Amino acid sequence: MKVLMKPIEMIAWFNGEKFPVPLRFRLQAEDGSNLVIKIDRILFQEEEKLAGNRMVVYRCEGVVQNLEKVFELKYEILTCKWFLFKM
């Protein structure tokens, strides 16, 4: 997997649990078009603390351009921002 750390737009489900559940996200492709990726399955989630910044890491599976791929998402708790960390 390649480290990207690109900001993304996320649709997530917030329930009574501790962390949000990601459903699908949109990112800008290299050619400038928008790419929407639906998350089929969350393999695991864990909280990490990097330089005092709390983040939640999600390893997910989804279909990207007709290929099943595994990727990692990060949710920054303090700023409520989502990032595509690895793909």
PDB file of N, CA and C in Angstrom:
ATOM      1  N   MET A   1       0.841  -1.182   0.000  1.00  0.00           N
ATOM      2  CA  MET A   1       0.000   0.000   0.000  1.00  0.00           C
ATOM      3  C   MET A   1       0.883   1.241   0.000  1.00  0.00           C
ATOM      4  N   LYS A   2       0.409   2.252  -0.688  1.00  0.00           N
ATOM      5  CA  LYS A   2       1.140   3.505  -0.816  1.00  0.00           C
ATOM      6  C   LYS A   2       0.537   4.546   0.134  1.00  0.00           C
ATOM      7  N   VAL A   3       1.385   5.280   0.846  1.00  0.00           N
ATOM      8  CA  VAL A   3       0.916   6.318   1.765  1.00  0.00           C
ATOM      9  C   VAL A   3       0.534   7.556   0.968  1.00  0.00           C
ATOM     10  N   LEU A   4      -0.717   8.014   1.136  1.00  0.00           N
ATOM     11  CA  LEU A   4      -1.232   9.163   0.394  1.00  0.00           C
ATOM     12  C   LEU A   4      -1.532  10.365   1.298  1.00  0.00           C
ATOM     13  N   MET A   5      -2.240  10.146   2.382  1.00  0.00           N
ATOM     14  CA  MET A   5      -2.697  11.167   3.333  1.00  0.00           C
ATOM     15  C   MET A   5      -3.410  12.324   2.619  1.00  0.00           C
ATOM     16  N   LYS A   6      -4.404  11.960   1.777  1.00  0.00           N
ATOM     17  CA  LYS A   6      -5.214  12.939   1.049  1.00  0.00           C
ATOM     18  C   LYS A   6      -6.480  13.248   1.841  1.00  0.00           C
ATOM     19  N   PRO A   7      -6.867  14.521   1.943  1.00  0.00           N
ATOM     20  CA  PRO A   7      -8.153  14.835   2.583  1.00  0.00           C
ATOM     21  C   PRO A   7      -9.301  14.367   1.692  1.00  0.00           C
ATOM     22  N   ILE A   8     -10.352  13.848   2.305  1.00  0.00           N
ATOM     23  CA  ILE A   8     -11.497  13.321   1.566  1.00  0.00           C
ATOM     24  C   ILE A   8     -12.786  13.849   2.182  1.00  0.00           C
ATOM     25  N   GLU A   9     -13.875  13.737   1.421  1.00  0.00           N
ATOM     26  CA  GLU A   9     -15.210  14.050   1.910  1.00  0.00           C
ATOM     27  C   GLU A   9     -15.883  12.726   2.256  1.00  0.00           C
ATOM     28  N   MET A  10     -16.386  12.618   3.483  1.00  0.00           N
ATOM     29  CA  MET A  10     -16.889  11.341   3.992  1.00  0.00           C
ATOM     30  C   MET A  10     -18.364  11.438   4.347  1.00  0.00           C
ATOM     31  N   ILE A  11     -19.089  10.357   4.083  1.00  0.00           N
ATOM     32  CA  ILE A  11     -20.423  10.152   4.635  1.00  0.00           C
ATOM     33  C   ILE A  11     -20.263   9.056   5.672  1.00  0.00           C
ATOM     34  N   ALA A  12     -20.589   9.390   6.914  1.00  0.00           N
ATOM     35  CA  ALA A  12     -20.394   8.448   8.016  1.00  0.00           C
ATOM     36  C   ALA A  12     -21.663   8.372   8.850  1.00  0.00           C
ATOM     37  N   TRP A  13     -21.755   7.300   9.587  1.00  0.00           N
ATOM     38  CA  TRP A  13     -22.885   7.055  10.465  1.00  0.00           C
ATOM     39  C   TRP A  13     -22.406   7.241  11.900  1.00  0.00           C
ATOM     40  N   PHE A  14     -23.062   8.129  12.630  1.00  0.00           N
ATOM     41  CA  PHE A  14     -22.720   8.377  14.025  1.00  0.00           C
ATOM     42  C   PHE A  14     -23.824   7.778  14.891  1.00  0.00           C
ATOM     43  N   ASN A  15     -23.435   6.840  15.735  1.00  0.00           N
ATOM     44  CA  ASN A  15     -24.403   6.235  16.639  1.00  0.00           C
ATOM     45  C   ASN A  15     -23.932   6.480  18.073  1.00  0.00           C
ATOM     46  N   GLY A  16     -24.425   5.750  19.010  1.00  0.00           N
ATOM     47  CA  GLY A  16     -24.048   5.920  20.399  1.00  0.00           C
ATOM     48  C   GLY A  16     -22.671   5.369  20.720  1.00  0.00           C
ATOM     49  N   GLU A  17     -22.008   4.778  19.742  1.00  0.00           N
ATOM     50  CA  GLU A  17     -20.682   4.215  19.948  1.00  0.00           C
ATOM     51  C   GLU A  17     -19.652   5.333  20.130  1.00  0.00           C
ATOM     52  N   LYS A  18     -18.433   4.938  20.366  1.00  0.00           N
ATOM     53  CA  LYS A  18     -17.366   5.908  20.609  1.00  0.00           C
ATOM     54  C   LYS A  18     -16.926   6.616  19.330  1.00  0.00           C
ATOM     55  N   PHE A  19     -16.840   5.891  18.203  1.00  0.00           N
ATOM     56  CA  PHE A  19     -16.314   6.454  16.963  1.00  0.00           C
ATOM     57  C   PHE A  19     -17.339   6.335  15.829  1.00  0.00           C
ATOM     58  N   PRO A  20     -17.220   7.197  14.798  1.00  0.00           N
ATOM     59  CA  PRO A  20     -18.132   7.117  13.647  1.00  0.00           C
ATOM     60  C   PRO A  20     -17.850   5.887  12.785  1.00  0.00           C
ATOM     61  N   VAL A  21     -18.852   5.497  11.998  1.00  0.00           N
ATOM     62  CA  VAL A  21     -18.734   4.362  11.091  1.00  0.00           C
ATOM     63  C   VAL A  21     -18.735   4.910   9.658  1.00  0.00           C
ATOM     64  N   PRO A  22     -17.631   4.799   8.917  1.00  0.00           N
ATOM     65  CA  PRO A  22     -17.596   5.337   7.547  1.00  0.00           C
ATOM     66  C   PRO A  22     -18.431   4.486   6.590  1.00  0.00           C
ATOM     67  N   LEU A  23     -19.148   5.159   5.670  1.00  0.00           N
ATOM     68  CA  LEU A  23     -19.995   4.463   4.701  1.00  0.00           C
ATOM     69  C   LEU A  23     -19.460   4.590   3.275  1.00  0.00           C
ATOM     70  N   ARG A  24     -19.195   5.826   2.838  1.00  0.00           N
ATOM     71  CA  ARG A  24     -18.593   6.049   1.517  1.00  0.00           C
ATOM     72  C   ARG A  24     -17.905   7.409   1.518  1.00  0.00           C
ATOM     73  N   PHE A  25     -16.969   7.571   0.580  1.00  0.00           N
ATOM     74  CA  PHE A  25     -16.229   8.822   0.525  1.00  0.00           C
ATOM     75  C   PHE A  25     -15.954   9.217  -0.903  1.00  0.00           C
ATOM     76  N   ARG A  26     -15.602  10.492  -1.071  1.00  0.00           N
ATOM     77  CA  ARG A  26     -15.304  11.046  -2.384  1.00  0.00           C
ATOM     78  C   ARG A  26     -13.918  11.688  -2.320  1.00  0.00           C
ATOM     79  N   LEU A  27     -13.114  11.398  -3.340  1.00  0.00           N
ATOM     80  CA  LEU A  27     -11.819  12.035  -3.458  1.00  0.00           C
ATOM     81  C   LEU A  27     -11.608  12.474  -4.892  1.00  0.00           C
ATOM     82  N   GLN A  28     -10.669  13.370  -5.072  1.00  0.00           N
ATOM     83  CA  GLN A  28     -10.386  13.883  -6.406  1.00  0.00           C
ATOM     84  C   GLN A  28      -9.284  13.036  -7.025  1.00  0.00           C
ATOM     85  N   ALA A  29      -9.541  12.505  -8.211  1.00  0.00           N
ATOM     86  CA  ALA A  29      -8.571  11.678  -8.932  1.00  0.00           C
ATOM     87  C   ALA A  29      -7.507  12.569  -9.569  1.00  0.00           C
ATOM     88  N   GLU A  30      -6.488  11.921 -10.136  1.00  0.00           N
ATOM     89  CA  GLU A  30      -5.384  12.657 -10.742  1.00  0.00           C
ATOM     90  C   GLU A  30      -5.836  13.516 -11.917  1.00  0.00           C
ATOM     91  N   ASP A  31      -6.857  13.045 -12.642  1.00  0.00           N
ATOM     92  CA  ASP A  31      -7.336  13.793 -13.807  1.00  0.00           C
ATOM     93  C   ASP A  31      -8.321  14.903 -13.442  1.00  0.00           C
ATOM     94  N   GLY A  32      -8.586  15.101 -12.155  1.00  0.00           N
ATOM     95  CA  GLY A  32      -9.470  16.167 -11.704  1.00  0.00           C
ATOM     96  C   GLY A  32     -10.906  15.749 -11.491  1.00  0.00           C
ATOM     97  N   SER A  33     -11.268  14.535 -11.883  1.00  0.00           N
ATOM     98  CA  SER A  33     -12.638  14.064 -11.687  1.00  0.00           C
ATOM     99  C   SER A  33     -12.826  13.567 -10.252  1.00  0.00           C
ATOM    100  N   ASN A  34     -14.078  13.529  -9.817  1.00  0.00           N
ATOM    101  CA  ASN A  34     -14.400  13.028  -8.490  1.00  0.00           C
ATOM    102  C   ASN A  34     -14.665  11.536  -8.551  1.00  0.00           C
ATOM    103  N   LEU A  35     -14.139  10.811  -7.584  1.00  0.00           N
ATOM    104  CA  LEU A  35     -14.275   9.367  -7.507  1.00  0.00           C
ATOM    105  C   LEU A  35     -14.977   9.029  -6.193  1.00  0.00           C
ATOM    106  N   VAL A  36     -16.115   8.327  -6.270  1.00  0.00           N
ATOM    107  CA  VAL A  36     -16.870   7.927  -5.082  1.00  0.00           C
ATOM    108  C   VAL A  36     -16.602   6.457  -4.815  1.00  0.00           C
ATOM    109  N   ILE A  37     -16.202   6.156  -3.580  1.00  0.00           N
ATOM    110  CA  ILE A  37     -15.866   4.784  -3.184  1.00  0.00           C
ATOM    111  C   ILE A  37     -16.762   4.381  -2.013  1.00  0.00           C
ATOM    112  N   LYS A  38     -17.498   3.283  -2.194  1.00  0.00           N
ATOM    113  CA  LYS A  38     -18.355   2.741  -1.145  1.00  0.00           C
ATOM    114  C   LYS A  38     -17.539   1.741  -0.328  1.00  0.00           C
ATOM    115  N   ILE A  39     -17.653   1.831   0.977  1.00  0.00           N
ATOM    116  CA  ILE A  39     -16.931   0.930   1.866  1.00  0.00           C
ATOM    117  C   ILE A  39     -17.786  -0.309   2.067  1.00  0.00           C
ATOM    118  N   ASP A  40     -17.270  -1.454   1.622  1.00  0.00           N
ATOM    119  CA  ASP A  40     -18.016  -2.703   1.733  1.00  0.00           C
ATOM    120  C   ASP A  40     -17.861  -3.338   3.112  1.00  0.00           C
ATOM    121  N   ARG A  41     -16.648  -3.267   3.657  1.00  0.00           N
ATOM    122  CA  ARG A  41     -16.396  -3.945   4.937  1.00  0.00           C
ATOM    123  C   ARG A  41     -15.273  -3.239   5.686  1.00  0.00           C
ATOM    124  N   ILE A  42     -15.442  -3.076   6.992  1.00  0.00           N
ATOM    125  CA  ILE A  42     -14.389  -2.539   7.850  1.00  0.00           C
ATOM    126  C   ILE A  42     -13.683  -3.727   8.481  1.00  0.00           C
ATOM    127  N   LEU A  43     -12.386  -3.865   8.187  1.00  0.00           N
ATOM    128  CA  LEU A  43     -11.620  -5.002   8.695  1.00  0.00           C
ATOM    129  C   LEU A  43     -11.238  -4.800  10.156  1.00  0.00           C
ATOM    130  N   PHE A  44     -10.783  -3.605  10.509  1.00  0.00           N
ATOM    131  CA  PHE A  44     -10.528  -3.279  11.908  1.00  0.00           C
ATOM    132  C   PHE A  44     -10.489  -1.774  12.079  1.00  0.00           C
ATOM    133  N   GLN A  45     -10.619  -1.349  13.337  1.00  0.00           N
ATOM    134  CA  GLN A  45     -10.455   0.063  13.681  1.00  0.00           C
ATOM    135  C   GLN A  45      -9.699   0.133  14.987  1.00  0.00           C
ATOM    136  N   GLU A  46      -8.853   1.152  15.105  1.00  0.00           N
ATOM    137  CA  GLU A  46      -8.105   1.347  16.343  1.00  0.00           C
ATOM    138  C   GLU A  46      -7.798   2.822  16.503  1.00  0.00           C
ATOM    139  N   GLU A  47      -7.611   3.226  17.734  1.00  0.00           N
ATOM    140  CA  GLU A  47      -7.260   4.616  18.016  1.00  0.00           C
ATOM    141  C   GLU A  47      -5.751   4.720  18.167  1.00  0.00           C
ATOM    142  N   GLU A  48      -5.174   5.797  17.608  1.00  0.00           N
ATOM    143  CA  GLU A  48      -3.748   6.038  17.752  1.00  0.00           C
ATOM    144  C   GLU A  48      -3.531   7.483  18.160  1.00  0.00           C
ATOM    145  N   LYS A  49      -2.383   7.728  18.738  1.00  0.00           N
ATOM    146  CA  LYS A  49      -2.032   9.068  19.155  1.00  0.00           C
ATOM    147  C   LYS A  49      -0.695   9.394  18.519  1.00  0.00           C
ATOM    148  N   LEU A  50      -0.693  10.335  17.589  1.00  0.00           N
ATOM    149  CA  LEU A  50       0.506  10.708  16.856  1.00  0.00           C
ATOM    150  C   LEU A  50       0.832  12.159  17.190  1.00  0.00           C
ATOM    151  N   ALA A  51       1.936  12.387  17.883  1.00  0.00           N
ATOM    152  CA  ALA A  51       2.367  13.730  18.308  1.00  0.00           C
ATOM    153  C   ALA A  51       1.270  14.441  19.107  1.00  0.00           C
ATOM    154  N   GLY A  52       0.574  13.710  19.949  1.00  0.00           N
ATOM    155  CA  GLY A  52      -0.481  14.271  20.770  1.00  0.00           C
ATOM    156  C   GLY A  52      -1.811  14.450  20.055  1.00  0.00           C
ATOM    157  N   ASN A  53      -1.869  14.086  18.779  1.00  0.00           N
ATOM    158  CA  ASN A  53      -3.080  14.223  17.980  1.00  0.00           C
ATOM    159  C   ASN A  53      -3.795  12.875  17.925  1.00  0.00           C
ATOM    160  N   ARG A  54      -5.004  12.797  18.500  1.00  0.00           N
ATOM    161  CA  ARG A  54      -5.761  11.542  18.512  1.00  0.00           C
ATOM    162  C   ARG A  54      -6.416  11.312  17.165  1.00  0.00           C
ATOM    163  N   MET A  55      -6.237  10.106  16.617  1.00  0.00           N
ATOM    164  CA  MET A  55      -6.833   9.723  15.342  1.00  0.00           C
ATOM    165  C   MET A  55      -7.370   8.302  15.456  1.00  0.00           C
ATOM    166  N   VAL A  56      -8.374   8.016  14.643  1.00  0.00           N
ATOM    167  CA  VAL A  56      -8.907   6.667  14.539  1.00  0.00           C
ATOM    168  C   VAL A  56      -8.523   6.141  13.163  1.00  0.00           C
ATOM    169  N   VAL A  57      -7.923   4.949  13.125  1.00  0.00           N
ATOM    170  CA  VAL A  57      -7.488   4.330  11.879  1.00  0.00           C
ATOM    171  C   VAL A  57      -8.463   3.209  11.540  1.00  0.00           C
ATOM    172  N   TYR A  58      -8.957   3.217  10.302  1.00  0.00           N
ATOM    173  CA  TYR A  58      -9.856   2.190   9.798  1.00  0.00           C
ATOM    174  C   TYR A  58      -9.183   1.489   8.629  1.00  0.00           C
ATOM    175  N   ARG A  59      -9.113   0.169   8.655  1.00  0.00           N
ATOM    176  CA  ARG A  59      -8.696  -0.590   7.472  1.00  0.00           C
ATOM    177  C   ARG A  59      -9.966  -1.159   6.866  1.00  0.00           C
ATOM    178  N   CYS A  60     -10.202  -0.839   5.589  1.00  0.00           N
ATOM    179  CA  CYS A  60     -11.467  -1.144   4.931  1.00  0.00           C
ATOM    180  C   CYS A  60     -11.241  -1.845   3.602  1.00  0.00           C
ATOM    181  N   GLU A  61     -12.315  -2.460   3.102  1.00  0.00           N
ATOM    182  CA  GLU A  61     -12.356  -3.034   1.761  1.00  0.00           C
ATOM    183  C   GLU A  61     -13.438  -2.317   0.972  1.00  0.00           C
ATOM    184  N   GLY A  62     -13.166  -2.126  -0.314  1.00  0.00           N
ATOM    185  CA  GLY A  62     -14.154  -1.502  -1.183  1.00  0.00           C
ATOM    186  C   GLY A  62     -13.778  -1.694  -2.635  1.00  0.00           C
ATOM    187  N   VAL A  63     -14.708  -1.381  -3.518  1.00  0.00           N
ATOM    188  CA  VAL A  63     -14.474  -1.509  -4.952  1.00  0.00           C
ATOM    189  C   VAL A  63     -14.038  -0.155  -5.494  1.00  0.00           C
ATOM    190  N   VAL A  64     -12.823  -0.122  -6.069  1.00  0.00           N
ATOM    191  CA  VAL A  64     -12.261   1.090  -6.651  1.00  0.00           C
ATOM    192  C   VAL A  64     -11.999   0.806  -8.122  1.00  0.00           C
ATOM    193  N   GLN A  65     -12.748   1.473  -8.996  1.00  0.00           N
ATOM    194  CA  GLN A  65     -12.629   1.293 -10.444  1.00  0.00           C
ATOM    195  C   GLN A  65     -12.684  -0.184 -10.835  1.00  0.00           C
ATOM    196  N   ASN A  66     -13.725  -0.872 -10.354  1.00  0.00           N
ATOM    197  CA  ASN A  66     -14.020  -2.287 -10.642  1.00  0.00           C
ATOM    198  C   ASN A  66     -12.991  -3.266 -10.092  1.00  0.00           C
ATOM    199  N   LEU A  67     -12.177  -2.860  -9.136  1.00  0.00           N
ATOM    200  CA  LEU A  67     -11.220  -3.751  -8.474  1.00  0.00           C
ATOM    201  C   LEU A  67     -11.446  -3.705  -6.973  1.00  0.00           C
ATOM    202  N   GLU A  68     -11.452  -4.879  -6.332  1.00  0.00           N
ATOM    203  CA  GLU A  68     -11.578  -4.952  -4.880  1.00  0.00           C
ATOM    204  C   GLU A  68     -10.238  -4.554  -4.254  1.00  0.00           C
ATOM    205  N   LYS A  69     -10.246  -3.504  -3.425  1.00  0.00           N
ATOM    206  CA  LYS A  69      -9.011  -3.004  -2.828  1.00  0.00           C
ATOM    207  C   LYS A  69      -9.154  -2.858  -1.325  1.00  0.00           C
ATOM    208  N   VAL A  70      -8.011  -2.935  -0.645  1.00  0.00           N
ATOM    209  CA  VAL A  70      -7.923  -2.667   0.780  1.00  0.00           C
ATOM    210  C   VAL A  70      -7.258  -1.303   0.939  1.00  0.00           C
ATOM    211  N   PHE A  71      -7.821  -0.474   1.816  1.00  0.00           N
ATOM    212  CA  PHE A  71      -7.267   0.855   2.028  1.00  0.00           C
ATOM    213  C   PHE A  71      -7.444   1.249   3.490  1.00  0.00           C
ATOM    214  N   GLU A  72      -6.706   2.279   3.914  1.00  0.00           N
ATOM    215  CA  GLU A  72      -6.790   2.772   5.282  1.00  0.00           C
ATOM    216  C   GLU A  72      -7.278   4.206   5.289  1.00  0.00           C
ATOM    217  N   LEU A  73      -8.195   4.479   6.201  1.00  0.00           N
ATOM    218  CA  LEU A  73      -8.741   5.809   6.406  1.00  0.00           C
ATOM    219  C   LEU A  73      -8.354   6.281   7.795  1.00  0.00           C
ATOM    220  N   LYS A  74      -8.177   7.589   7.948  1.00  0.00           N
ATOM    221  CA  LYS A  74      -7.907   8.165   9.265  1.00  0.00           C
ATOM    222  C   LYS A  74      -8.924   9.254   9.540  1.00  0.00           C
ATOM    223  N   TYR A  75      -9.412   9.273  10.777  1.00  0.00           N
ATOM    224  CA  TYR A  75     -10.345  10.281  11.242  1.00  0.00           C
ATOM    225  C   TYR A  75      -9.670  11.046  12.360  1.00  0.00           C
ATOM    226  N   GLU A  76      -9.484  12.344  12.159  1.00  0.00           N
ATOM    227  CA  GLU A  76      -8.850  13.195  13.158  1.00  0.00           C
ATOM    228  C   GLU A  76      -9.936  13.677  14.124  1.00  0.00           C
ATOM    229  N   ILE A  77      -9.854  13.264  15.373  1.00  0.00           N
ATOM    230  CA  ILE A  77     -10.914  13.505  16.343  1.00  0.00           C
ATOM    231  C   ILE A  77     -11.061  14.987  16.680  1.00  0.00           C
ATOM    232  N   LEU A  78      -9.974  15.695  16.843  1.00  0.00           N
ATOM    233  CA  LEU A  78     -10.029  17.096  17.261  1.00  0.00           C
ATOM    234  C   LEU A  78     -10.649  17.995  16.198  1.00  0.00           C
ATOM    235  N   THR A  79     -10.326  17.776  14.924  1.00  0.00           N
ATOM    236  CA  THR A  79     -10.823  18.639  13.847  1.00  0.00           C
ATOM    237  C   THR A  79     -11.968  18.014  13.051  1.00  0.00           C
ATOM    238  N   CYS A  80     -12.301  16.759  13.309  1.00  0.00           N
ATOM    239  CA  CYS A  80     -13.364  16.022  12.605  1.00  0.00           C
ATOM    240  C   CYS A  80     -13.092  15.926  11.105  1.00  0.00           C
ATOM    241  N   LYS A  81     -11.843  15.749  10.705  1.00  0.00           N
ATOM    242  CA  LYS A  81     -11.469  15.617   9.302  1.00  0.00           C
ATOM    243  C   LYS A  81     -11.115  14.175   8.985  1.00  0.00           C
ATOM    244  N   TRP A  82     -11.400  13.786   7.737  1.00  0.00           N
ATOM    245  CA  TRP A  82     -11.119  12.439   7.248  1.00  0.00           C
ATOM    246  C   TRP A  82      -9.998  12.495   6.220  1.00  0.00           C
ATOM    247  N   PHE A  83      -9.162  11.441   6.203  1.00  0.00           N
ATOM    248  CA  PHE A  83      -8.059  11.338   5.257  1.00  0.00           C
ATOM    249  C   PHE A  83      -7.990   9.931   4.697  1.00  0.00           C
ATOM    250  N   LEU A  84      -7.656   9.836   3.411  1.00  0.00           N
ATOM    251  CA  LEU A  84      -7.301   8.556   2.822  1.00  0.00           C
ATOM    252  C   LEU A  84      -5.822   8.386   3.078  1.00  0.00           C
ATOM    253  N   PHE A  85      -5.480   7.495   4.013  1.00  0.00           N
ATOM    254  CA  PHE A  85      -4.097   7.365   4.461  1.00  0.00           C
ATOM    255  C   PHE A  85      -3.279   6.476   3.533  1.00  0.00           C
ATOM    256  N   LYS A  86      -3.770   5.258   3.266  1.00  0.00           N
ATOM    257  CA  LYS A  86      -3.047   4.315   2.394  1.00  0.00           C
ATOM    258  C   LYS A  86      -4.014   3.682   1.405  1.00  0.00           C
ATOM    259  N   MET A  87      -3.489   3.418   0.214  1.00  0.00           N
ATOM    260  CA  MET A  87      -4.268   2.685  -0.782  1.00  0.00           C
ATOM    261  C   MET A  87      -3.330   1.843  -1.613  1.00  0.00           C
TER     262      MET A  87
END
